[in-house]
């Protein structure tokens, strides 16, 4: 009994602190630039990219600026929706996504200058790409709830989570003219950010002790914090005609590295009495695991956009973007070795989430009114987008017990066998759409813009081809306010 529960306890601890599983969920990989104007136009902005946040979309658009100016945006996310867990055909559990997240989503300074007579525009900025905020539950391992008269509860989730965070970048780049109406730009991007997961887990095991029923219960509180870093470059090209504008954006592939620290607070009881014996492998205790490392392959991203001035004060725009997630891997650190020279060598195991390639489509329009108080742009936009599909088959977590003497049968608490927990995880493509609108008030020196976006995403989690385990539904609201001031 001790060995089996020890293994189960260890696996409970490892299953979601193993970064291959936990980090591939919750990151939406929408590397959009910032700004309320682009958001109000449904993020169809590759061909325009001509405001303070434009360098995050297509750095070639920086060249159009002739004055130094600064801009910043504040974004406010209100997550809504729920996570539906299907226990069986007659029972469904719901976990709400409700919350509030706010902060600076973009900050930028753009200044033009000439180098040996050739015009350049330089940009330094920060961008908040996406926020993570949702709650969900999972049944990660077989268990008993200790009530033999209600076996349905044995199928309930035994791990409940809340996940928050997001990814940002610090950007430095320039735009310049190539030939007549053609320009190009380059932006270096340093990624940073993190995701925090708070989790409650419970394991119950019905057994016998001295011939009497004995219920062992292990309740765990897990706090997992993962910080992400990475670096790549964005290259952009733009044609700026009188009425027609075209843009091409290429975001280079890179590795998003995660460093995780985990705290496990475990309280164990036997028939309601706390197990605190130092010799008990599942005793009440606190465990710290630091510096868990993972690497996520972020693929090449290529976007193309067109914008057309139907009238002098009316623009329509559309973007299409490809993200080559197919074949990309996640790696987790297995072991470290110090060489004779004192260098550290890291050994990673490779994990294939079976992601799919993604195509994104975005459309938007802007109409500007001249009024006595200034120019008032009004914007509408929409986007339909699929996020990477993932299918995990027979993913194993392995625990190797201490080895006993060769040829001598191992006692129950000194097992030399390798045991593992195996599960399948399959989600369909996370399909969704966003509808947005925005407005602004523009003067010669100051521009104020605001945008609102409603986003509806849905993700199904499957345990077989025809049996759905759960469904994640997001119905989020996002408000973005931008300020731009010219010097």
Protein backbone atom coordinates (compact mmCIF):
# COMPACT_ATOMS: atom_id res chain seq x y z
CA UNK A 1 0.00 0.00 0.00
CA UNK A 2 2.77 2.43 0.81
CA UNK A 3 4.51 2.01 -2.51
CA UNK A 4 1.42 2.36 -4.63
CA UNK A 5 0.31 5.49 -2.79
CA UNK A 6 3.83 6.91 -2.87
CA UNK A 7 3.92 6.45 -6.63
CA UNK A 8 0.49 7.98 -6.97
CA UNK A 9 1.47 10.94 -4.82
CA UNK A 10 4.64 11.54 -6.80
CA UNK A 11 2.74 11.34 -10.05
CA UNK A 12 0.12 13.77 -8.75
CA UNK A 13 2.96 16.16 -8.05
CA UNK A 14 4.68 15.70 -11.39
CA UNK A 15 1.83 15.55 -13.83
CA UNK A 16 1.24 19.28 -14.29
CA UNK A 17 4.50 20.67 -13.04
CA UNK A 18 6.03 18.84 -15.98
CA UNK A 19 6.31 21.75 -18.36
CA UNK A 20 5.69 19.76 -21.52
CA UNK A 21 2.07 19.37 -20.53
CA UNK A 22 1.30 22.53 -18.64
CA UNK A 23 3.01 25.03 -20.91
CA UNK A 24 1.52 23.85 -24.16
CA UNK A 25 -1.89 24.86 -22.82
CA UNK A 26 -2.99 28.41 -22.26
CA UNK A 27 -0.53 30.20 -24.57
CA UNK A 28 -2.47 31.51 -27.54
CA UNK A 29 0.53 32.43 -29.71
CA UNK A 30 -1.21 35.52 -31.13
CA UNK A 31 1.78 37.74 -31.75
CA UNK A 32 -0.26 40.81 -32.64
CA UNK A 33 1.16 44.30 -32.44
CA UNK A 34 -0.49 46.79 -30.11
CA UNK A 35 -2.57 49.94 -30.42
CA UNK A 36 -6.25 50.84 -30.29
CA UNK A 37 -6.41 51.76 -33.99
CA UNK A 38 -5.31 48.31 -35.15
CA UNK A 39 -7.60 46.61 -32.64
CA UNK A 40 -10.60 48.65 -33.77
CA UNK A 41 -9.88 47.48 -37.34
CA UNK A 42 -9.87 43.81 -36.35
CA UNK A 43 -6.03 43.60 -36.33
CA UNK A 44 -5.94 43.98 -40.14
CA UNK A 45 -2.94 46.26 -39.97
CA UNK A 46 0.08 44.84 -41.83
CA UNK A 47 -0.39 47.15 -44.84
CA UNK A 48 -1.03 50.26 -42.69
CA UNK A 49 1.23 50.04 -39.61
CA UNK A 50 1.59 53.83 -39.59
CA UNK A 51 0.87 54.83 -35.99
CA UNK A 52 2.83 54.62 -32.74
CA UNK A 53 2.24 50.85 -32.47
CA UNK A 54 2.94 50.16 -36.15
CA UNK A 55 6.48 48.84 -35.62
CA UNK A 56 5.03 45.81 -33.84
CA UNK A 57 3.00 44.99 -36.98
CA UNK A 58 5.27 45.87 -39.87
CA UNK A 59 8.46 47.87 -39.18
CA UNK A 60 8.50 49.02 -42.82
CA UNK A 61 5.67 51.38 -41.86
CA UNK A 62 8.00 53.35 -39.59
CA UNK A 63 9.46 55.12 -42.62
CA UNK A 64 6.29 57.16 -43.19
CA UNK A 65 6.85 59.28 -40.06
CA UNK A 66 8.49 62.70 -40.32
CA UNK A 67 8.13 63.90 -36.72
CA UNK A 68 9.23 62.49 -33.38
CA UNK A 69 6.36 61.28 -31.25
CA UNK A 70 5.47 58.96 -28.39
CA UNK A 71 2.47 56.74 -27.83
CA UNK A 72 1.19 54.28 -25.29
CA UNK A 73 -1.85 52.04 -24.85
CA UNK A 74 -3.62 50.66 -21.83
CA UNK A 75 -5.47 47.39 -22.26
CA UNK A 76 -8.16 46.01 -19.97
CA UNK A 77 -9.21 42.36 -20.37
CA UNK A 78 -12.43 40.98 -18.85
CA UNK A 79 -12.32 37.18 -19.32
CA UNK A 80 -15.69 35.44 -19.45
CA UNK A 81 -16.98 32.03 -20.44
CA UNK A 82 -16.52 28.68 -18.74
CA UNK A 83 -14.86 25.28 -18.77
CA UNK A 84 -17.36 22.42 -19.07
CA UNK A 85 -16.28 19.01 -17.78
CA UNK A 86 -18.49 16.10 -18.84
CA UNK A 87 -18.48 13.54 -16.02
CA UNK A 88 -21.01 11.39 -17.90
CA UNK A 89 -24.03 11.83 -20.14
CA UNK A 90 -26.13 13.11 -17.24
CA UNK A 91 -23.64 15.20 -15.29
CA UNK A 92 -21.66 18.30 -16.28
CA UNK A 93 -19.42 20.47 -14.10
CA UNK A 94 -18.76 24.13 -14.96
CA UNK A 95 -15.85 26.36 -13.97
CA UNK A 96 -16.12 30.08 -14.74
CA UNK A 97 -13.40 32.14 -16.43
CA UNK A 98 -14.49 35.42 -14.87
CA UNK A 99 -11.76 37.88 -13.92
CA UNK A 100 -10.15 41.22 -14.69
CA UNK A 101 -6.68 41.96 -16.07
CA UNK A 102 -5.28 45.38 -16.95
CA UNK A 103 -1.98 47.05 -17.78
CA UNK A 104 0.15 48.91 -20.32
CA UNK A 105 -0.23 47.00 -23.58
CA UNK A 106 2.04 49.15 -25.77
CA UNK A 107 4.60 51.92 -25.36
CA UNK A 108 6.56 53.40 -28.25
CA UNK A 109 8.84 56.24 -29.31
CA UNK A 110 9.50 56.87 -33.00
CA UNK A 111 12.02 59.41 -34.26
CA UNK A 112 13.11 60.13 -37.87
CA UNK A 113 16.69 61.01 -38.82
CA UNK A 114 19.03 61.00 -41.80
CA UNK A 115 22.24 59.00 -42.03
CA UNK A 116 24.48 60.19 -44.88
CA UNK A 117 21.46 61.81 -46.44
CA UNK A 118 19.33 58.63 -46.37
CA UNK A 119 16.08 58.80 -44.36
CA UNK A 120 15.49 56.42 -41.45
CA UNK A 121 12.90 56.20 -38.67
CA UNK A 122 13.98 54.49 -35.46
CA UNK A 123 11.65 52.88 -32.95
CA UNK A 124 11.91 51.62 -29.38
CA UNK A 125 8.81 49.99 -27.93
CA UNK A 126 7.24 47.38 -25.69
CA UNK A 127 4.29 45.20 -26.68
CA UNK A 128 1.90 43.01 -24.71
CA UNK A 129 1.02 40.22 -27.15
CA UNK A 130 -1.62 38.23 -25.29
CA UNK A 131 -3.07 37.52 -21.88
CA UNK A 132 -3.84 34.14 -20.35
CA UNK A 133 -6.71 33.89 -17.89
CA UNK A 134 -8.95 30.88 -17.32
CA UNK A 135 -10.05 28.22 -14.87
CA UNK A 136 -10.49 24.53 -15.59
CA UNK A 137 -10.52 21.05 -14.09
CA UNK A 138 -9.01 17.72 -15.13
CA UNK A 139 -9.23 14.09 -14.11
CA UNK A 140 -5.56 13.16 -14.21
CA UNK A 141 -5.53 9.73 -12.56
CA UNK A 142 -7.90 7.01 -11.29
CA UNK A 143 -9.26 7.66 -7.83
CA UNK A 144 -12.03 6.94 -5.37
CA UNK A 145 -13.92 9.64 -3.51
CA UNK A 146 -14.36 7.30 -0.53
CA UNK A 147 -18.12 6.93 -0.94
CA UNK A 148 -18.95 3.43 -2.28
CA UNK A 149 -22.64 4.41 -2.49
CA UNK A 150 -21.93 7.14 -5.05
CA UNK A 151 -19.51 5.76 -7.65
CA UNK A 152 -20.34 8.57 -10.11
CA UNK A 153 -18.18 10.97 -8.09
CA UNK A 154 -15.17 8.79 -8.85
CA UNK A 155 -15.23 10.32 -12.34
CA UNK A 156 -15.07 13.92 -11.12
CA UNK A 157 -11.98 16.06 -11.80
CA UNK A 158 -9.30 15.62 -9.16
CA UNK A 159 -7.27 18.70 -10.16
CA UNK A 160 -8.72 22.22 -10.35
CA UNK A 161 -6.67 25.06 -11.84
CA UNK A 162 -6.60 28.79 -12.38
CA UNK A 163 -4.05 30.14 -14.83
CA UNK A 164 -3.06 33.79 -15.44
CA UNK A 165 -0.25 35.59 -17.23
CA UNK A 166 0.92 36.64 -20.68
CA UNK A 167 3.82 37.36 -23.03
CA UNK A 168 5.48 40.71 -23.80
CA UNK A 169 8.39 41.90 -25.91
CA UNK A 170 10.88 44.74 -25.87
CA UNK A 171 11.52 45.91 -29.44
CA UNK A 172 14.21 47.96 -31.13
CA UNK A 173 14.25 48.61 -34.88
CA UNK A 174 14.09 50.95 -37.84
CA UNK A 175 12.39 51.56 -41.16
CA UNK A 176 13.82 53.11 -44.31
CA UNK A 177 13.02 53.67 -47.98
CA UNK A 178 14.19 51.05 -50.46
CA UNK A 179 13.05 52.56 -53.76
CA UNK A 180 10.47 55.26 -54.48
CA UNK A 181 7.27 54.01 -52.76
CA UNK A 182 8.82 50.83 -51.38
CA UNK A 183 10.15 50.70 -47.82
CA UNK A 184 11.51 48.04 -45.49
CA UNK A 185 12.11 47.67 -41.77
CA UNK A 186 13.74 45.41 -39.23
CA UNK A 187 12.76 44.94 -35.59
CA UNK A 188 14.66 42.98 -32.93
CA UNK A 189 12.31 41.48 -30.33
CA UNK A 190 13.22 40.34 -26.83
CA UNK A 191 10.38 38.28 -25.34
CA UNK A 192 9.57 38.08 -21.66
CA UNK A 193 6.59 37.31 -19.46
CA UNK A 194 5.15 34.48 -17.49
CA UNK A 195 2.23 32.29 -16.49
CA UNK A 196 1.16 31.47 -12.93
CA UNK A 197 -0.90 28.36 -12.23
CA UNK A 198 -2.62 27.79 -8.90
CA UNK A 199 -3.92 24.28 -8.49
CA UNK A 200 -5.80 22.18 -5.96
CA UNK A 201 -5.39 18.41 -6.24
CA UNK A 202 -6.91 15.60 -4.23
CA UNK A 203 -6.23 11.85 -4.22
CA UNK A 204 -8.35 9.39 -2.26
CA UNK A 205 -7.61 5.70 -1.95
CA UNK A 206 -9.92 3.15 -0.32
CA UNK A 207 -8.01 0.31 1.35
CA UNK A 208 -7.99 -1.86 4.44
CA UNK A 209 -5.99 -1.50 7.63
CA UNK A 210 -6.13 -4.28 10.24
CA UNK A 211 -9.10 -5.66 8.34
CA UNK A 212 -11.08 -2.41 8.64
CA UNK A 213 -11.94 0.13 5.88
CA UNK A 214 -9.22 2.78 5.69
CA UNK A 215 -9.46 5.95 3.57
CA UNK A 216 -6.24 7.75 2.74
CA UNK A 217 -6.70 11.28 1.42
CA UNK A 218 -3.94 13.50 0.04
CA UNK A 219 -4.85 17.16 -0.52
CA UNK A 220 -2.30 19.28 -2.34
CA UNK A 221 -2.03 22.97 -3.11
CA UNK A 222 0.37 23.69 -5.97
CA UNK A 223 1.72 27.09 -6.94
CA UNK A 224 3.59 26.98 -10.25
CA UNK A 225 5.28 30.05 -11.75
CA UNK A 226 6.85 29.91 -15.22
CA UNK A 227 8.87 32.75 -16.71
CA UNK A 228 9.42 32.88 -20.48
CA UNK A 229 12.28 34.37 -22.51
CA UNK A 230 13.17 34.39 -26.19
CA UNK A 231 14.60 36.46 -29.02
CA UNK A 232 13.91 36.87 -32.72
CA UNK A 233 13.62 39.47 -35.47
CA UNK A 234 10.78 40.79 -37.59
CA UNK A 235 11.38 41.94 -41.17
CA UNK A 236 8.77 43.96 -43.05
CA UNK A 237 8.21 45.38 -46.53
CA UNK A 238 5.64 47.93 -47.63
CA UNK A 239 4.33 49.56 -50.79
CA UNK A 240 2.69 52.92 -50.09
CA UNK A 241 0.63 53.99 -53.12
CA UNK A 242 -1.80 56.86 -53.37
CA UNK A 243 -4.81 54.61 -52.77
CA UNK A 244 -3.44 51.08 -52.49
CA UNK A 245 -1.08 49.96 -49.75
CA UNK A 246 0.47 46.52 -49.41
CA UNK A 247 2.58 45.00 -46.65
CA UNK A 248 4.56 41.83 -46.01
CA UNK A 249 5.68 40.79 -42.52
CA UNK A 250 8.03 37.89 -41.67
CA UNK A 251 8.56 36.95 -38.02
CA UNK A 252 11.56 34.64 -37.67
CA UNK A 253 11.22 31.31 -35.79
CA UNK A 254 12.65 31.16 -32.29
CA UNK A 255 12.69 29.15 -29.08
CA UNK A 256 10.51 30.31 -26.20
CA UNK A 257 12.29 29.10 -23.06
CA UNK A 258 10.38 28.50 -19.84
CA UNK A 259 11.84 28.36 -16.35
CA UNK A 260 9.41 27.03 -13.72
CA UNK A 261 9.44 27.10 -9.92
CA UNK A 262 6.89 25.02 -8.07
CA UNK A 263 5.74 24.84 -4.46
CA UNK A 264 3.68 21.85 -3.31
CA UNK A 265 1.89 22.02 0.03
CA UNK A 266 0.61 18.52 0.82
CA UNK A 267 -1.68 17.49 3.68
CA UNK A 268 -2.43 13.79 4.13
CA UNK A 269 -4.90 12.02 6.40
CA UNK A 270 -5.89 8.44 7.20
CA UNK A 271 -9.53 8.15 8.25
CA UNK A 272 -9.40 11.87 9.05
CA UNK A 273 -6.25 11.71 11.19
CA UNK A 274 -3.29 13.69 9.86
CA UNK A 275 -0.35 11.56 8.73
CA UNK A 276 2.73 13.36 9.96
CA UNK A 277 5.12 10.51 10.64
CA UNK A 278 8.58 11.25 9.23
CA UNK A 279 8.71 7.67 7.95
CA UNK A 280 5.55 8.06 5.90
CA UNK A 281 6.28 8.80 2.22
CA UNK A 282 2.94 10.60 1.89
CA UNK A 283 3.10 12.58 5.10
CA UNK A 284 2.00 16.20 5.43
CA UNK A 285 4.84 18.31 4.03
CA UNK A 286 5.89 21.17 1.76
CA UNK A 287 8.04 20.47 -1.30
CA UNK A 288 9.92 22.96 -3.50
CA UNK A 289 11.03 22.19 -7.03
CA UNK A 290 13.00 24.94 -8.80
CA UNK A 291 14.45 25.59 -12.23
CA UNK A 292 12.35 23.21 -14.30
CA UNK A 293 13.21 24.06 -17.89
CA UNK A 294 11.32 23.67 -21.14
CA UNK A 295 11.72 24.92 -24.70
CA UNK A 296 8.80 25.62 -27.05
CA UNK A 297 9.50 25.86 -30.79
CA UNK A 298 7.76 28.98 -32.14
CA UNK A 299 7.55 28.73 -35.94
CA UNK A 300 8.06 31.05 -38.86
CA UNK A 301 5.14 33.47 -39.21
CA UNK A 302 4.40 35.20 -42.51
CA UNK A 303 1.66 37.79 -42.99
CA UNK A 304 0.45 39.72 -46.02
CA UNK A 305 -1.92 42.66 -45.99
CA UNK A 306 -3.70 45.05 -48.34
CA UNK A 307 -5.34 48.40 -47.58
CA UNK A 308 -7.31 50.54 -50.02
CA UNK A 309 -8.58 54.11 -49.79
CA UNK A 310 -12.11 53.86 -51.16
CA UNK A 311 -12.33 57.60 -50.55
CA UNK A 312 -9.90 60.06 -49.05
CA UNK A 313 -11.39 59.46 -45.61
CA UNK A 314 -12.39 55.78 -45.97
CA UNK A 315 -10.00 52.81 -45.73
CA UNK A 316 -10.70 49.08 -45.98
CA UNK A 317 -8.00 46.53 -45.07
CA UNK A 318 -7.44 42.78 -44.93
CA UNK A 319 -4.67 40.48 -43.70
CA UNK A 320 -3.83 36.82 -44.09
CA UNK A 321 -1.18 35.23 -41.87
CA UNK A 322 0.41 31.79 -41.85
CA UNK A 323 1.97 30.20 -38.74
CA UNK A 324 3.82 26.97 -39.39
CA UNK A 325 3.24 25.13 -36.10
CA UNK A 326 3.12 21.75 -37.83
CA UNK A 327 6.04 19.56 -36.71
CA UNK A 328 7.18 21.92 -33.95
CA UNK A 329 8.25 20.35 -30.68
CA UNK A 330 8.41 21.00 -26.94
CA UNK A 331 11.55 19.97 -25.06
CA UNK A 332 11.91 19.36 -21.33
CA UNK A 333 15.12 19.23 -19.33
CA UNK A 334 15.94 15.67 -18.27
CA UNK A 335 19.34 16.02 -16.62
CA UNK A 336 22.46 18.13 -16.16
CA UNK A 337 26.11 17.15 -16.33
CA UNK A 338 29.16 19.10 -15.27
CA UNK A 339 32.18 18.53 -17.50
CA UNK A 340 35.79 18.35 -16.32
CA UNK A 341 36.19 21.93 -17.51
CA UNK A 342 33.35 23.04 -15.28
CA UNK A 343 30.88 23.61 -18.11
CA UNK A 344 27.23 22.66 -17.69
CA UNK A 345 25.68 20.34 -20.26
CA UNK A 346 21.90 20.09 -20.47
CA UNK A 347 20.05 17.05 -21.81
CA UNK A 348 16.50 17.49 -23.08
CA UNK A 349 13.79 15.02 -24.02
CA UNK A 350 11.66 15.92 -27.02
CA UNK A 351 7.91 15.97 -26.89
CA UNK A 352 5.61 16.25 -29.92
CA UNK A 353 2.24 17.95 -29.27
CA UNK A 354 1.24 17.23 -32.90
CA UNK A 355 0.38 20.83 -33.58
CA UNK A 356 -1.24 21.85 -36.84
CA UNK A 357 -0.39 24.77 -39.10
CA UNK A 358 -2.57 27.84 -38.66
CA UNK A 359 -4.06 30.35 -41.11
CA UNK A 360 -5.44 33.62 -39.76
CA UNK A 361 -7.79 35.99 -41.61
CA UNK A 362 -8.51 39.57 -40.50
CA UNK A 363 -10.62 42.40 -41.97
CA UNK A 364 -11.23 46.02 -40.96
CA UNK A 365 -12.38 49.43 -42.06
CA UNK A 366 -12.00 53.04 -40.90
CA UNK A 367 -14.06 56.12 -41.81
CA UNK A 368 -12.92 59.55 -40.63
CA UNK A 369 -15.28 62.47 -40.01
CA UNK A 370 -14.11 66.11 -39.98
CA UNK A 371 -15.86 67.86 -37.09
CA UNK A 372 -15.47 71.25 -35.39
CA UNK A 373 -13.72 69.59 -32.45
CA UNK A 374 -11.25 67.58 -34.55
CA UNK A 375 -11.10 64.50 -36.74
CA UNK A 376 -13.19 61.58 -35.49
CA UNK A 377 -12.29 58.16 -36.96
CA UNK A 378 -14.81 55.32 -36.59
CA UNK A 379 -13.61 51.73 -37.07
CA UNK A 380 -15.02 48.23 -37.37
CA UNK A 381 -13.22 44.91 -37.69
CA UNK A 382 -13.48 41.15 -37.49
CA UNK A 383 -11.13 38.20 -37.47
CA UNK A 384 -11.59 34.46 -37.69
CA UNK A 385 -8.75 32.45 -36.38
CA UNK A 386 -7.70 28.90 -35.61
CA UNK A 387 -5.09 28.21 -32.95
CA UNK A 388 -2.72 25.21 -33.07
CA UNK A 389 -4.33 21.80 -32.78
CA UNK A 390 -2.64 19.36 -30.41
CA UNK A 391 -2.91 15.61 -29.93
CA UNK A 392 -0.90 13.83 -27.24
CA UNK A 393 -0.97 10.04 -27.32
CA UNK A 394 0.38 7.86 -24.49
CA UNK A 395 2.41 10.61 -22.85
CA UNK A 396 4.30 8.96 -20.00
CA UNK A 397 5.53 10.23 -16.66
CA UNK A 398 8.04 7.75 -15.28
CA UNK A 399 8.99 7.12 -11.65
CA UNK A 400 11.93 4.83 -10.98
CA UNK A 401 11.99 3.50 -7.43
CA UNK A 402 15.18 2.80 -5.47
CA UNK A 403 16.91 -0.42 -6.60
CA UNK A 404 17.38 -3.26 -4.17
CA UNK A 405 20.24 -5.82 -4.21
CA UNK A 406 20.57 -7.82 -7.42
CA UNK A 407 18.77 -11.17 -7.22
CA UNK A 408 16.97 -10.28 -4.00
CA UNK A 409 13.21 -9.61 -4.25
CA UNK A 410 12.49 -5.99 -3.41
CA UNK A 411 10.26 -5.24 -0.47
CA UNK A 412 7.23 -3.04 -1.11
CA UNK A 413 9.05 0.15 -0.14
CA UNK A 414 12.20 -0.59 -2.20
CA UNK A 415 10.91 -1.32 -5.66
CA UNK A 416 13.31 -1.45 -8.62
CA UNK A 417 10.61 -1.46 -11.30
CA UNK A 418 9.85 1.48 -13.54
CA UNK A 419 6.24 2.60 -13.26
CA UNK A 420 4.52 5.24 -15.32
CA UNK A 421 1.34 7.20 -15.70
CA UNK A 422 0.10 7.40 -19.29
CA UNK A 423 -2.64 9.60 -20.73
CA UNK A 424 -4.05 10.80 -24.03
CA UNK A 425 -4.88 14.45 -24.65
CA UNK A 426 -6.50 15.56 -27.88
CA UNK A 427 -8.00 18.96 -28.58
CA UNK A 428 -9.62 20.05 -31.77
CA UNK A 429 -8.52 23.27 -33.35
CA UNK A 430 -9.39 26.13 -31.07
CA UNK A 431 -11.72 27.99 -33.38
CA UNK A 432 -12.94 31.47 -32.71
CA UNK A 433 -13.83 34.88 -33.96
CA UNK A 434 -13.53 38.45 -32.75
CA UNK A 435 -15.69 41.47 -33.49
CA UNK A 436 -14.36 44.93 -32.75
CA UNK A 437 -15.15 48.57 -33.12
CA UNK A 438 -13.36 51.75 -32.18
CA UNK A 439 -13.29 55.53 -32.41
CA UNK A 440 -10.95 58.40 -31.76
CA UNK A 441 -10.44 62.12 -31.50
CA UNK A 442 -7.45 63.55 -33.39
CA UNK A 443 -5.85 66.97 -33.26
CA UNK A 444 -2.59 68.12 -34.82
CA UNK A 445 -0.41 67.23 -31.82
CA UNK A 446 -2.50 64.75 -29.85
CA UNK A 447 -4.35 61.59 -30.91
CA UNK A 448 -6.70 59.66 -28.61
CA UNK A 449 -8.13 56.30 -29.71
CA UNK A 450 -10.28 53.67 -28.05
CA UNK A 451 -11.27 50.16 -29.15
CA UNK A 452 -13.48 47.38 -27.85
CA UNK A 453 -13.21 43.69 -28.88
CA UNK A 454 -15.51 40.78 -28.16
CA UNK A 455 -13.80 37.41 -28.59
CA UNK A 456 -15.47 34.01 -28.70
CA UNK A 457 -13.25 30.91 -28.71
CA UNK A 458 -14.12 27.26 -28.24
CA UNK A 459 -11.82 24.30 -27.65
CA UNK A 460 -12.86 20.66 -27.27
CA UNK A 461 -10.78 18.20 -25.25
CA UNK A 462 -11.23 14.62 -26.45
CA UNK A 463 -10.38 11.25 -24.87
CA UNK A 464 -11.30 9.32 -28.01
CA UNK A 465 -12.44 10.07 -31.52
CA UNK A 466 -16.11 10.14 -30.58
CA UNK A 467 -16.01 10.92 -26.86
CA UNK A 468 -15.46 14.48 -25.63
CA UNK A 469 -14.05 14.96 -22.13
CA UNK A 470 -14.50 18.70 -21.75
CA UNK A 471 -14.96 21.97 -23.56
CA UNK A 472 -13.30 25.34 -23.00
CA UNK A 473 -15.39 28.36 -23.99
CA UNK A 474 -14.06 31.92 -23.89
CA UNK A 475 -16.34 34.95 -24.27
CA UNK A 476 -13.89 37.69 -23.46
CA UNK A 477 -14.18 41.46 -23.56
CA UNK A 478 -11.19 43.72 -24.18
CA UNK A 479 -10.96 47.51 -23.94
CA UNK A 480 -7.94 49.39 -25.31
CA UNK A 481 -7.16 53.10 -24.99
CA UNK A 482 -4.24 54.72 -26.85
CA UNK A 483 -2.62 58.14 -26.53
CA UNK A 484 -0.18 59.62 -29.03
CA UNK A 485 1.66 62.93 -28.62
CA UNK A 486 3.90 64.66 -31.17
CA UNK A 487 6.91 66.69 -30.08
